[in-house]
Amino acid sequence: MIKKAITIIISFFLLSCQEQKKEEKAENKEYSNNINRALPALFDKKYFHGYQLSPDSDYPIYSHTDKNVGELTISFINKDIDKQKEWLQFDFNNNLEPGDDPDDKYFDNLNKVIKTKLEPNLNTYEIIAEHIPAKYLESKTLDYIYPYTKTYYLYNKEKKSWDFIKEKIISDGANEKNITKLTELNAMITISSTKNALLNKDSLKQIKDTTLFVNSSQGESVKLLINTKTNDSIFESEIFGETGKSTYKFVFNKFLKKAECTTYRYTEPISVNSNPKIKSEKKENLLSSKVSSTRLTNIFNSYLKAFIHANISNGK
């Protein structure tokens, strides 16, 4: 197991530049779902016509309907239930009045304010897709043909695929049946997250646990793990400082798949209080900004070099 993890690390070090370019190109191709279902490339730009609010005005969405793919709705659900309240009547709170018949100006402005709030924080959201196949829509009017089947998927950011959640049969045109409520989406996320957490816990094996001094004079605790189901290697670390600490997670195989960091700032230095309270928290990932991407990549590379050097020195 140790040799396997180290082989992955060395292979990554040699092939990362080449594979990263391939991965960047792949980002623009279709995303696949991990079950055998006919699912359109949901992130294709041709399906995006601007962000809107859900029918109950309590979470952001975008949608598309045509006679070929059917009806698609992509919903963005904050992982923090308390923060979901920020979307309630979001248009009114931003001085946007839809009126009885919202015009293009309203939807253009709504798209802008939603984009400003949502996109910089996508890592804190779950993404759920609803798909109604074209066979359940009238070819001319695109009205629903009852009963119809609506299928739900949860986006797996690590695998860049859609995980099937469930199917739901809608028997008639009652609003409470056609509209997916926020409470229902939250229930779907909880079920899927719990299932994935149990699977991930069983599949993770720790290879090494060490302390390095490459990014902080105070030291950093670094663990190397391997996911026995995906064969991915994982670095998890904590970097300690006088006024705060940062936690990191890097998932990689032939390329760096995921990198994320949470930085905590203390109310007072640890030299004054050895157990200070946390006053602020900031999350970053590879998509947060160019600066964040560069910083995370540099820290990741420092771990690669440290582990390669340690194993070469030990003759492993």
C-alpha atoms as a PDB file:
ATOM      1  CA  MET A   1       0.000   0.000   0.000  1.00  0.00           C
ATOM      2  CA  ILE A   2       2.842   2.378   0.878  1.00  0.00           C
ATOM      3  CA  LYS A   3       4.679   1.621  -2.371  1.00  0.00           C
ATOM      4  CA  LYS A   4       1.463   2.223  -4.292  1.00  0.00           C
ATOM      5  CA  ALA A   5       0.944   5.640  -2.731  1.00  0.00           C
ATOM      6  CA  ILE A   6       4.569   6.647  -3.300  1.00  0.00           C
ATOM      7  CA  THR A   7       4.383   5.461  -6.909  1.00  0.00           C
ATOM      8  CA  ILE A   8       1.364   7.696  -7.403  1.00  0.00           C
ATOM      9  CA  ILE A   9       3.235  10.649  -5.904  1.00  0.00           C
ATOM     10  CA  ILE A  10       6.293  10.183  -8.117  1.00  0.00           C
ATOM     11  CA  SER A  11       4.175   9.567 -11.216  1.00  0.00           C
ATOM     12  CA  PHE A  12       2.239  12.714 -10.462  1.00  0.00           C
ATOM     13  CA  PHE A  13       5.438  14.732 -10.107  1.00  0.00           C
ATOM     14  CA  LEU A  14       6.654  13.608 -13.542  1.00  0.00           C
ATOM     15  CA  LEU A  15       3.375  13.833 -15.436  1.00  0.00           C
ATOM     16  CA  SER A  16       1.484  16.670 -13.747  1.00  0.00           C
ATOM     17  CA  CYS A  17       2.088  19.350 -16.376  1.00  0.00           C
ATOM     18  CA  GLN A  18       1.023  17.136 -19.257  1.00  0.00           C
ATOM     19  CA  GLU A  19      -2.016  15.717 -17.496  1.00  0.00           C
ATOM     20  CA  GLN A  20      -3.149  19.103 -16.186  1.00  0.00           C
ATOM     21  CA  LYS A  21      -3.378  20.411 -19.750  1.00  0.00           C
ATOM     22  CA  LYS A  22      -5.475  17.396 -20.719  1.00  0.00           C
ATOM     23  CA  GLU A  23      -7.734  17.971 -17.736  1.00  0.00           C
ATOM     24  CA  GLU A  24      -8.261  21.636 -18.610  1.00  0.00           C
ATOM     25  CA  LYS A  25      -9.379  20.622 -22.091  1.00  0.00           C
ATOM     26  CA  ALA A  26     -11.697  17.990 -20.634  1.00  0.00           C
ATOM     27  CA  GLU A  27     -13.450  20.641 -18.524  1.00  0.00           C
ATOM     28  CA  ASN A  28     -15.160  21.917 -21.683  1.00  0.00           C
ATOM     29  CA  LYS A  29     -16.464  18.506 -22.708  1.00  0.00           C
ATOM     30  CA  GLU A  30     -19.617  16.755 -21.616  1.00  0.00           C
ATOM     31  CA  TYR A  31     -19.944  15.631 -18.005  1.00  0.00           C
ATOM     32  CA  SER A  32     -20.968  12.021 -17.553  1.00  0.00           C
ATOM     33  CA  ASN A  33     -23.356  10.555 -15.020  1.00  0.00           C
ATOM     34  CA  ASN A  34     -22.131   7.463 -13.205  1.00  0.00           C
ATOM     35  CA  ILE A  35     -25.149   5.345 -14.023  1.00  0.00           C
ATOM     36  CA  ASN A  36     -26.510   4.241 -17.365  1.00  0.00           C
ATOM     37  CA  ARG A  37     -29.059   6.990 -17.957  1.00  0.00           C
ATOM     38  CA  ALA A  38     -29.586   9.398 -20.833  1.00  0.00           C
ATOM     39  CA  LEU A  39     -28.483  12.706 -19.340  1.00  0.00           C
ATOM     40  CA  PRO A  40     -27.576  15.851 -21.331  1.00  0.00           C
ATOM     41  CA  ALA A  41     -24.315  17.731 -20.713  1.00  0.00           C
ATOM     42  CA  LEU A  42     -25.925  19.871 -18.040  1.00  0.00           C
ATOM     43  CA  PHE A  43     -23.147  22.469 -17.796  1.00  0.00           C
ATOM     44  CA  ASP A  44     -23.161  23.146 -21.534  1.00  0.00           C
ATOM     45  CA  LYS A  45     -23.455  26.906 -22.074  1.00  0.00           C
ATOM     46  CA  LYS A  46     -26.319  26.413 -24.515  1.00  0.00           C
ATOM     47  CA  TYR A  47     -28.531  25.435 -21.575  1.00  0.00           C
ATOM     48  CA  PHE A  48     -27.660  28.531 -19.532  1.00  0.00           C
ATOM     49  CA  HIS A  49     -29.882  31.579 -20.062  1.00  0.00           C
ATOM     50  CA  GLY A  50     -29.175  33.394 -16.823  1.00  0.00           C
ATOM     51  CA  TYR A  51     -29.700  32.753 -13.130  1.00  0.00           C
ATOM     52  CA  GLN A  52     -33.194  33.033 -11.657  1.00  0.00           C
ATOM     53  CA  LEU A  53     -34.870  32.311  -8.351  1.00  0.00           C
ATOM     54  CA  SER A  54     -36.880  29.176  -7.655  1.00  0.00           C
ATOM     55  CA  PRO A  55     -40.679  29.416  -7.977  1.00  0.00           C
ATOM     56  CA  ASP A  56     -40.829  30.026  -4.215  1.00  0.00           C
ATOM     57  CA  SER A  57     -37.976  32.571  -4.426  1.00  0.00           C
ATOM     58  CA  ASP A  58     -35.804  30.735  -1.905  1.00  0.00           C
ATOM     59  CA  TYR A  59     -32.788  29.406  -3.850  1.00  0.00           C
ATOM     60  CA  PRO A  60     -31.006  30.190  -7.170  1.00  0.00           C
ATOM     61  CA  ILE A  61     -31.543  28.140 -10.310  1.00  0.00           C
ATOM     62  CA  TYR A  62     -31.145  28.186 -14.046  1.00  0.00           C
ATOM     63  CA  SER A  63     -33.323  26.262 -16.464  1.00  0.00           C
ATOM     64  CA  HIS A  64     -33.785  25.237 -20.071  1.00  0.00           C
ATOM     65  CA  THR A  65     -36.589  23.597 -22.026  1.00  0.00           C
ATOM     66  CA  ASP A  66     -36.711  22.340 -25.611  1.00  0.00           C
ATOM     67  CA  LYS A  67     -38.315  19.521 -27.569  1.00  0.00           C
ATOM     68  CA  ASN A  68     -35.076  17.532 -27.819  1.00  0.00           C
ATOM     69  CA  VAL A  69     -33.690  17.341 -24.265  1.00  0.00           C
ATOM     70  CA  GLY A  70     -36.882  18.126 -22.349  1.00  0.00           C
ATOM     71  CA  GLU A  71     -36.805  20.325 -19.253  1.00  0.00           C
ATOM     72  CA  LEU A  72     -33.643  20.902 -17.208  1.00  0.00           C
ATOM     73  CA  THR A  73     -33.384  22.765 -13.916  1.00  0.00           C
ATOM     74  CA  ILE A  74     -30.098  23.249 -12.077  1.00  0.00           C
ATOM     75  CA  SER A  75     -30.520  24.253  -8.421  1.00  0.00           C
ATOM     76  CA  PHE A  76     -27.852  25.654  -6.099  1.00  0.00           C
ATOM     77  CA  ILE A  77     -28.400  24.815  -2.425  1.00  0.00           C
ATOM     78  CA  ASN A  78     -26.202  26.291   0.293  1.00  0.00           C
ATOM     79  CA  LYS A  79     -24.768  23.556   2.530  1.00  0.00           C
ATOM     80  CA  ASP A  80     -25.402  25.803   5.554  1.00  0.00           C
ATOM     81  CA  ILE A  81     -29.162  25.765   6.185  1.00  0.00           C
ATOM     82  CA  ASP A  82     -29.012  29.040   8.130  1.00  0.00           C
ATOM     83  CA  LYS A  83     -27.442  30.796   5.127  1.00  0.00           C
ATOM     84  CA  GLN A  84     -30.153  29.490   2.805  1.00  0.00           C
ATOM     85  CA  LYS A  85     -32.378  32.211   4.274  1.00  0.00           C
ATOM     86  CA  GLU A  86     -30.271  34.810   2.473  1.00  0.00           C
ATOM     87  CA  TRP A  87     -31.962  33.834  -0.805  1.00  0.00           C
ATOM     88  CA  LEU A  88     -35.507  34.328   0.445  1.00  0.00           C
ATOM     89  CA  GLN A  89     -37.033  37.216  -1.535  1.00  0.00           C
ATOM     90  CA  PHE A  90     -33.538  37.959  -2.840  1.00  0.00           C
ATOM     91  CA  ASP A  91     -34.895  40.077  -5.699  1.00  0.00           C
ATOM     92  CA  PHE A  92     -36.909  42.378  -3.424  1.00  0.00           C
ATOM     93  CA  ASN A  93     -33.979  42.702  -1.050  1.00  0.00           C
ATOM     94  CA  ASN A  94     -31.887  43.929  -3.989  1.00  0.00           C
ATOM     95  CA  ASN A  95     -34.500  46.481  -5.106  1.00  0.00           C
ATOM     96  CA  LEU A  96     -35.734  44.366  -8.012  1.00  0.00           C
ATOM     97  CA  GLU A  97     -39.505  44.358  -8.469  1.00  0.00           C
ATOM     98  CA  PRO A  98     -40.810  41.570 -10.743  1.00  0.00           C
ATOM     99  CA  GLY A  99     -44.369  42.928 -10.923  1.00  0.00           C
ATOM    100  CA  ASP A 100     -47.156  40.878 -12.489  1.00  0.00           C
ATOM    101  CA  ASP A 101     -45.254  40.375 -15.745  1.00  0.00           C
ATOM    102  CA  PRO A 102     -41.443  40.504 -15.280  1.00  0.00           C
ATOM    103  CA  ASP A 103     -39.599  41.942 -18.290  1.00  0.00           C
ATOM    104  CA  ASP A 104     -36.142  41.271 -19.745  1.00  0.00           C
ATOM    105  CA  LYS A 105     -34.614  44.106 -17.711  1.00  0.00           C
ATOM    106  CA  TYR A 106     -35.746  42.463 -14.471  1.00  0.00           C
ATOM    107  CA  PHE A 107     -34.270  39.066 -15.440  1.00  0.00           C
ATOM    108  CA  ASP A 108     -31.007  40.630 -16.673  1.00  0.00           C
ATOM    109  CA  ASN A 109     -30.541  42.495 -13.396  1.00  0.00           C
ATOM    110  CA  LEU A 110     -31.554  39.446 -11.359  1.00  0.00           C
ATOM    111  CA  ASN A 111     -28.972  37.327 -13.172  1.00  0.00           C
ATOM    112  CA  LYS A 112     -26.258  39.869 -12.362  1.00  0.00           C
ATOM    113  CA  VAL A 113     -26.950  40.096  -8.618  1.00  0.00           C
ATOM    114  CA  ILE A 114     -27.302  36.315  -8.257  1.00  0.00           C
ATOM    115  CA  LYS A 115     -24.057  35.732 -10.188  1.00  0.00           C
ATOM    116  CA  THR A 116     -22.190  38.201  -7.966  1.00  0.00           C
ATOM    117  CA  LYS A 117     -23.297  36.412  -4.799  1.00  0.00           C
ATOM    118  CA  LEU A 118     -23.272  32.796  -5.996  1.00  0.00           C
ATOM    119  CA  GLU A 119     -20.283  32.160  -8.236  1.00  0.00           C
ATOM    120  CA  PRO A 120     -17.458  33.234  -5.860  1.00  0.00           C
ATOM    121  CA  ASN A 121     -18.908  30.836  -3.266  1.00  0.00           C
ATOM    122  CA  LEU A 122     -19.840  27.786  -5.356  1.00  0.00           C
ATOM    123  CA  ASN A 123     -17.699  25.524  -3.171  1.00  0.00           C
ATOM    124  CA  THR A 124     -20.210  26.082  -0.334  1.00  0.00           C
ATOM    125  CA  TYR A 125     -23.145  24.895  -2.451  1.00  0.00           C
ATOM    126  CA  GLU A 126     -24.536  21.549  -3.500  1.00  0.00           C
ATOM    127  CA  ILE A 127     -25.767  21.399  -7.105  1.00  0.00           C
ATOM    128  CA  ILE A 128     -28.871  19.378  -7.918  1.00  0.00           C
ATOM    129  CA  ALA A 129     -30.217  18.735 -11.396  1.00  0.00           C
ATOM    130  CA  GLU A 130     -33.830  17.952 -12.275  1.00  0.00           C
ATOM    131  CA  HIS A 131     -34.490  16.385 -15.667  1.00  0.00           C
ATOM    132  CA  ILE A 132     -37.829  15.758 -17.353  1.00  0.00           C
ATOM    133  CA  PRO A 133     -37.234  13.872 -20.643  1.00  0.00           C
ATOM    134  CA  ALA A 134     -38.692  15.321 -23.845  1.00  0.00           C
ATOM    135  CA  LYS A 135     -41.180  12.443 -24.206  1.00  0.00           C
ATOM    136  CA  TYR A 136     -43.151  13.963 -21.312  1.00  0.00           C
ATOM    137  CA  LEU A 137     -43.573  17.336 -23.061  1.00  0.00           C
ATOM    138  CA  GLU A 138     -46.027  18.342 -25.791  1.00  0.00           C
ATOM    139  CA  SER A 139     -43.961  18.864 -28.947  1.00  0.00           C
ATOM    140  CA  LYS A 140     -45.537  22.232 -29.809  1.00  0.00           C
ATOM    141  CA  THR A 141     -46.458  23.832 -26.497  1.00  0.00           C
ATOM    142  CA  LEU A 142     -43.874  22.016 -24.315  1.00  0.00           C
ATOM    143  CA  ASP A 143     -46.593  21.557 -21.698  1.00  0.00           C
ATOM    144  CA  TYR A 144     -46.298  18.554 -19.403  1.00  0.00           C
ATOM    145  CA  ILE A 145     -47.896  15.241 -20.383  1.00  0.00           C
ATOM    146  CA  TYR A 146     -49.233  13.653 -17.193  1.00  0.00           C
ATOM    147  CA  PRO A 147     -48.177  11.477 -15.543  1.00  0.00           C
ATOM    148  CA  TYR A 148     -44.504  12.264 -16.094  1.00  0.00           C
ATOM    149  CA  THR A 149     -41.244  11.246 -14.430  1.00  0.00           C
ATOM    150  CA  LYS A 150     -38.784  13.737 -12.994  1.00  0.00           C
ATOM    151  CA  THR A 151     -35.252  12.510 -12.204  1.00  0.00           C
ATOM    152  CA  TYR A 152     -32.888  14.125  -9.683  1.00  0.00           C
ATOM    153  CA  TYR A 153     -29.091  14.070  -9.692  1.00  0.00           C
ATOM    154  CA  LEU A 154     -26.472  15.436  -7.272  1.00  0.00           C
ATOM    155  CA  TYR A 155     -23.287  16.821  -8.802  1.00  0.00           C
ATOM    156  CA  ASN A 156     -20.126  15.091  -7.594  1.00  0.00           C
ATOM    157  CA  LYS A 157     -17.510  17.855  -7.775  1.00  0.00           C
ATOM    158  CA  GLU A 158     -14.582  15.514  -7.189  1.00  0.00           C
ATOM    159  CA  LYS A 159     -15.487  13.068  -9.960  1.00  0.00           C
ATOM    160  CA  LYS A 160     -17.144  15.699 -12.184  1.00  0.00           C
ATOM    161  CA  SER A 161     -20.139  13.441 -12.621  1.00  0.00           C
ATOM    162  CA  TRP A 162     -23.815  13.334 -11.670  1.00  0.00           C
ATOM    163  CA  ASP A 163     -24.941  10.887  -8.992  1.00  0.00           C
ATOM    164  CA  PHE A 164     -28.489   9.607  -9.348  1.00  0.00           C
ATOM    165  CA  ILE A 165     -30.659  10.495  -6.338  1.00  0.00           C
ATOM    166  CA  LYS A 166     -34.191   9.425  -7.174  1.00  0.00           C
ATOM    167  CA  GLU A 167     -37.104   9.476  -9.592  1.00  0.00           C
ATOM    168  CA  LYS A 168     -40.451  11.073  -8.856  1.00  0.00           C
ATOM    169  CA  ILE A 169     -43.722  10.511 -10.715  1.00  0.00           C
ATOM    170  CA  ILE A 170     -45.916  13.606 -11.064  1.00  0.00           C
ATOM    171  CA  SER A 171     -49.542  12.600 -11.544  1.00  0.00           C
ATOM    172  CA  ASP A 172     -51.243  15.957 -12.183  1.00  0.00           C
ATOM    173  CA  GLY A 173     -50.743  19.711 -12.506  1.00  0.00           C
ATOM    174  CA  ALA A 174     -51.023  20.704  -8.857  1.00  0.00           C
ATOM    175  CA  ASN A 175     -48.291  23.232  -7.995  1.00  0.00           C
ATOM    176  CA  GLU A 176     -47.237  21.405  -4.850  1.00  0.00           C
ATOM    177  CA  LYS A 177     -46.445  18.359  -7.010  1.00  0.00           C
ATOM    178  CA  ASN A 178     -44.738  20.114  -9.930  1.00  0.00           C
ATOM    179  CA  ILE A 179     -42.560  22.445  -7.839  1.00  0.00           C
ATOM    180  CA  THR A 180     -39.660  20.942  -5.910  1.00  0.00           C
ATOM    181  CA  LYS A 181     -39.563  22.499  -2.448  1.00  0.00           C
ATOM    182  CA  LEU A 182     -36.347  23.524  -0.701  1.00  0.00           C
ATOM    183  CA  THR A 183     -37.138  21.138   2.158  1.00  0.00           C
ATOM    184  CA  GLU A 184     -37.244  18.244  -0.322  1.00  0.00           C
ATOM    185  CA  LEU A 185     -33.900  19.227  -1.860  1.00  0.00           C
ATOM    186  CA  ASN A 186     -32.332  19.478   1.604  1.00  0.00           C
ATOM    187  CA  ALA A 187     -33.559  15.979   2.380  1.00  0.00           C
ATOM    188  CA  MET A 188     -31.990  14.670  -0.848  1.00  0.00           C
ATOM    189  CA  ILE A 189     -28.634  16.267   0.003  1.00  0.00           C
ATOM    190  CA  THR A 190     -28.642  14.823   3.521  1.00  0.00           C
ATOM    191  CA  ILE A 191     -29.356  11.322   2.247  1.00  0.00           C
ATOM    192  CA  SER A 192     -26.703  11.491  -0.475  1.00  0.00           C
ATOM    193  CA  SER A 193     -24.072  13.115   1.737  1.00  0.00           C
ATOM    194  CA  THR A 194     -24.574  10.545   4.500  1.00  0.00           C
ATOM    195  CA  LYS A 195     -24.247   7.682   2.047  1.00  0.00           C
ATOM    196  CA  ASN A 196     -21.079   9.117   0.470  1.00  0.00           C
ATOM    197  CA  ALA A 197     -19.533   9.872   3.871  1.00  0.00           C
ATOM    198  CA  LEU A 198     -19.952   6.254   4.967  1.00  0.00           C
ATOM    199  CA  LEU A 199     -18.433   4.985   1.741  1.00  0.00           C
ATOM    200  CA  ASN A 200     -15.478   7.379   1.925  1.00  0.00           C
ATOM    201  CA  LYS A 201     -14.734   6.587   5.579  1.00  0.00           C
ATOM    202  CA  ASP A 202     -14.424   2.866   4.863  1.00  0.00           C
ATOM    203  CA  SER A 203     -12.253   3.368   1.773  1.00  0.00           C
ATOM    204  CA  LEU A 204      -9.615   5.722   3.253  1.00  0.00           C
ATOM    205  CA  LYS A 205      -6.348   4.194   4.495  1.00  0.00           C
ATOM    206  CA  GLN A 206      -3.668   6.269   6.225  1.00  0.00           C
ATOM    207  CA  ILE A 207      -0.177   5.703   4.816  1.00  0.00           C
ATOM    208  CA  LYS A 208       1.889   8.210   6.746  1.00  0.00           C
ATOM    209  CA  ASP A 209       1.502  10.877   9.448  1.00  0.00           C
ATOM    210  CA  THR A 210       4.370  13.321   9.899  1.00  0.00           C
ATOM    211  CA  THR A 211       5.310  16.885  10.855  1.00  0.00           C
ATOM    212  CA  LEU A 212       6.978  19.188   8.317  1.00  0.00           C
ATOM    213  CA  PHE A 213       8.475  22.665   8.592  1.00  0.00           C
ATOM    214  CA  VAL A 214       8.362  23.707   4.938  1.00  0.00           C
ATOM    215  CA  ASN A 215       5.515  26.242   5.006  1.00  0.00           C
ATOM    216  CA  SER A 216       5.524  27.344   8.652  1.00  0.00           C
ATOM    217  CA  SER A 217       8.204  27.755  11.308  1.00  0.00           C
ATOM    218  CA  GLN A 218       5.557  26.611  13.808  1.00  0.00           C
ATOM    219  CA  GLY A 219       5.277  23.273  11.986  1.00  0.00           C
ATOM    220  CA  GLU A 220       2.560  21.541  10.014  1.00  0.00           C
ATOM    221  CA  SER A 221       0.951  18.171  10.591  1.00  0.00           C
ATOM    222  CA  VAL A 222       0.656  16.293   7.275  1.00  0.00           C
ATOM    223  CA  LYS A 223      -1.083  12.991   6.594  1.00  0.00           C
ATOM    224  CA  LEU A 224      -0.881  10.921   3.426  1.00  0.00           C
ATOM    225  CA  LEU A 225      -3.903   8.719   2.730  1.00  0.00           C
ATOM    226  CA  ILE A 226      -5.081   6.583  -0.155  1.00  0.00           C
ATOM    227  CA  ASN A 227      -8.647   5.947  -1.269  1.00  0.00           C
ATOM    228  CA  THR A 228      -8.800   2.217  -1.973  1.00  0.00           C
ATOM    229  CA  LYS A 229     -11.921   2.569  -4.120  1.00  0.00           C
ATOM    230  CA  THR A 230     -10.708   5.357  -6.424  1.00  0.00           C
ATOM    231  CA  ASN A 231      -6.912   4.851  -6.045  1.00  0.00           C
ATOM    232  CA  ASP A 232      -6.609   8.580  -5.391  1.00  0.00           C
ATOM    233  CA  SER A 233      -3.956   9.817  -2.972  1.00  0.00           C
ATOM    234  CA  ILE A 234      -4.813  12.504  -0.427  1.00  0.00           C
ATOM    235  CA  PHE A 235      -2.787  14.995   1.585  1.00  0.00           C
ATOM    236  CA  GLU A 236      -4.481  16.403   4.677  1.00  0.00           C
ATOM    237  CA  SER A 237      -2.633  18.969   6.733  1.00  0.00           C
ATOM    238  CA  GLU A 238      -2.810  21.669   9.385  1.00  0.00           C
ATOM    239  CA  ILE A 239      -0.452  24.646   9.334  1.00  0.00           C
ATOM    240  CA  PHE A 240      -0.133  26.475  12.633  1.00  0.00           C
ATOM    241  CA  GLY A 241       0.706  30.128  13.176  1.00  0.00           C
ATOM    242  CA  GLU A 242       0.839  32.686  15.958  1.00  0.00           C
ATOM    243  CA  THR A 243      -2.477  34.328  15.004  1.00  0.00           C
ATOM    244  CA  GLY A 244      -4.309  31.465  13.294  1.00  0.00           C
ATOM    245  CA  LYS A 245      -4.152  28.132  11.509  1.00  0.00           C
ATOM    246  CA  SER A 246      -5.042  26.672   8.124  1.00  0.00           C
ATOM    247  CA  THR A 247      -6.333  23.228   7.150  1.00  0.00           C
ATOM    248  CA  TYR A 248      -5.687  21.795   3.686  1.00  0.00           C
ATOM    249  CA  LYS A 249      -6.874  18.878   1.605  1.00  0.00           C
ATOM    250  CA  PHE A 250      -5.382  17.823  -1.730  1.00  0.00           C
ATOM    251  CA  VAL A 251      -6.788  14.954  -3.813  1.00  0.00           C
ATOM    252  CA  PHE A 252      -4.624  13.735  -6.677  1.00  0.00           C
ATOM    253  CA  ASN A 253      -3.745  10.854  -8.935  1.00  0.00           C
ATOM    254  CA  LYS A 254      -2.227  11.595 -12.317  1.00  0.00           C
ATOM    255  CA  PHE A 255      -3.269  15.215 -11.799  1.00  0.00           C
ATOM    256  CA  LEU A 256      -4.373  17.444  -8.960  1.00  0.00           C
ATOM    257  CA  LYS A 257      -8.124  16.868  -8.791  1.00  0.00           C
ATOM    258  CA  LYS A 258      -9.030  18.974  -5.788  1.00  0.00           C
ATOM    259  CA  ALA A 259      -7.389  21.459  -3.455  1.00  0.00           C
ATOM    260  CA  GLU A 260      -9.129  23.317  -0.669  1.00  0.00           C
ATOM    261  CA  CYS A 261      -8.128  25.374   2.333  1.00  0.00           C
ATOM    262  CA  THR A 262      -9.873  26.802   5.385  1.00  0.00           C
ATOM    263  CA  THR A 263      -8.048  29.589   7.222  1.00  0.00           C
ATOM    264  CA  TYR A 264      -8.978  30.440  10.802  1.00  0.00           C
ATOM    265  CA  ARG A 265      -7.971  33.677  12.541  1.00  0.00           C
ATOM    266  CA  TYR A 266      -7.727  33.871  16.336  1.00  0.00           C
ATOM    267  CA  THR A 267      -9.068  36.625  18.580  1.00  0.00           C
ATOM    268  CA  GLU A 268      -5.601  36.842  20.182  1.00  0.00           C
ATOM    269  CA  PRO A 269      -2.145  35.320  19.603  1.00  0.00           C
ATOM    270  CA  ILE A 270      -1.438  31.861  20.987  1.00  0.00           C
ATOM    271  CA  SER A 271       1.479  33.352  22.931  1.00  0.00           C
ATOM    272  CA  VAL A 272      -1.118  35.255  24.964  1.00  0.00           C
ATOM    273  CA  ASN A 273      -3.789  32.546  25.060  1.00  0.00           C
ATOM    274  CA  SER A 274      -2.911  28.921  24.275  1.00  0.00           C
ATOM    275  CA  ASN A 275      -6.564  28.167  23.507  1.00  0.00           C
ATOM    276  CA  PRO A 276      -7.873  31.263  21.681  1.00  0.00           C
ATOM    277  CA  LYS A 277     -11.305  31.634  20.141  1.00  0.00           C
ATOM    278  CA  ILE A 278     -11.722  31.809  16.364  1.00  0.00           C
ATOM    279  CA  LYS A 279     -12.871  35.213  15.099  1.00  0.00           C
ATOM    280  CA  SER A 280     -13.030  34.537  11.349  1.00  0.00           C
ATOM    281  CA  GLU A 281     -13.016  31.716   8.810  1.00  0.00           C
ATOM    282  CA  LYS A 282     -12.143  31.845   5.107  1.00  0.00           C
ATOM    283  CA  LYS A 283     -12.497  29.027   2.557  1.00  0.00           C
ATOM    284  CA  GLU A 284     -10.567  28.763  -0.712  1.00  0.00           C
ATOM    285  CA  ASN A 285     -10.145  26.293  -3.539  1.00  0.00           C
ATOM    286  CA  LEU A 286      -8.525  26.156  -6.970  1.00  0.00           C
ATOM    287  CA  LEU A 287     -11.414  28.120  -8.485  1.00  0.00           C
ATOM    288  CA  SER A 288     -11.559  30.898  -5.875  1.00  0.00           C
ATOM    289  CA  SER A 289      -8.983  33.093  -7.611  1.00  0.00           C
ATOM    290  CA  LYS A 290      -5.715  32.938  -9.524  1.00  0.00           C
ATOM    291  CA  VAL A 291      -3.838  33.859  -6.338  1.00  0.00           C
ATOM    292  CA  SER A 292      -5.535  31.061  -4.379  1.00  0.00           C
ATOM    293  CA  SER A 293      -4.854  28.554  -7.147  1.00  0.00           C
ATOM    294  CA  THR A 294      -1.154  29.452  -7.264  1.00  0.00           C
ATOM    295  CA  ARG A 295      -0.783  29.357  -3.466  1.00  0.00           C
ATOM    296  CA  LEU A 296      -2.548  26.005  -3.102  1.00  0.00           C
ATOM    297  CA  THR A 297      -0.541  24.480  -5.945  1.00  0.00           C
ATOM    298  CA  ASN A 298       2.729  25.655  -4.375  1.00  0.00           C
ATOM    299  CA  ILE A 299       1.854  24.147  -0.992  1.00  0.00           C
ATOM    300  CA  PHE A 300       0.810  20.903  -2.649  1.00  0.00           C
ATOM    301  CA  ASN A 301       4.104  20.753  -4.579  1.00  0.00           C
ATOM    302  CA  SER A 302       6.038  21.332  -1.345  1.00  0.00           C
ATOM    303  CA  TYR A 303       4.393  18.214   0.139  1.00  0.00           C
ATOM    304  CA  LEU A 304       5.180  16.192  -2.972  1.00  0.00           C
ATOM    305  CA  LYS A 305       8.852  17.143  -2.815  1.00  0.00           C
ATOM    306  CA  ALA A 306       9.066  16.487   0.929  1.00  0.00           C
ATOM    307  CA  PHE A 307       7.534  13.007   0.676  1.00  0.00           C
ATOM    308  CA  ILE A 308       9.587  12.057  -2.390  1.00  0.00           C
ATOM    309  CA  HIS A 309      12.796  13.216  -0.686  1.00  0.00           C
ATOM    310  CA  ALA A 310      11.931  11.382   2.557  1.00  0.00           C
ATOM    311  CA  ASN A 311      11.265   8.100   0.763  1.00  0.00           C
ATOM    312  CA  ILE A 312      14.349   8.334  -1.436  1.00  0.00           C
ATOM    313  CA  SER A 313      16.477   9.042   1.646  1.00  0.00           C
ATOM    314  CA  ASN A 314      14.969   6.026   3.422  1.00  0.00           C
ATOM    315  CA  GLY A 315      15.540   3.834   0.378  1.00  0.00           C
ATOM    316  CA  LYS A 316      11.843   3.091  -0.088  1.00  0.00           C
END
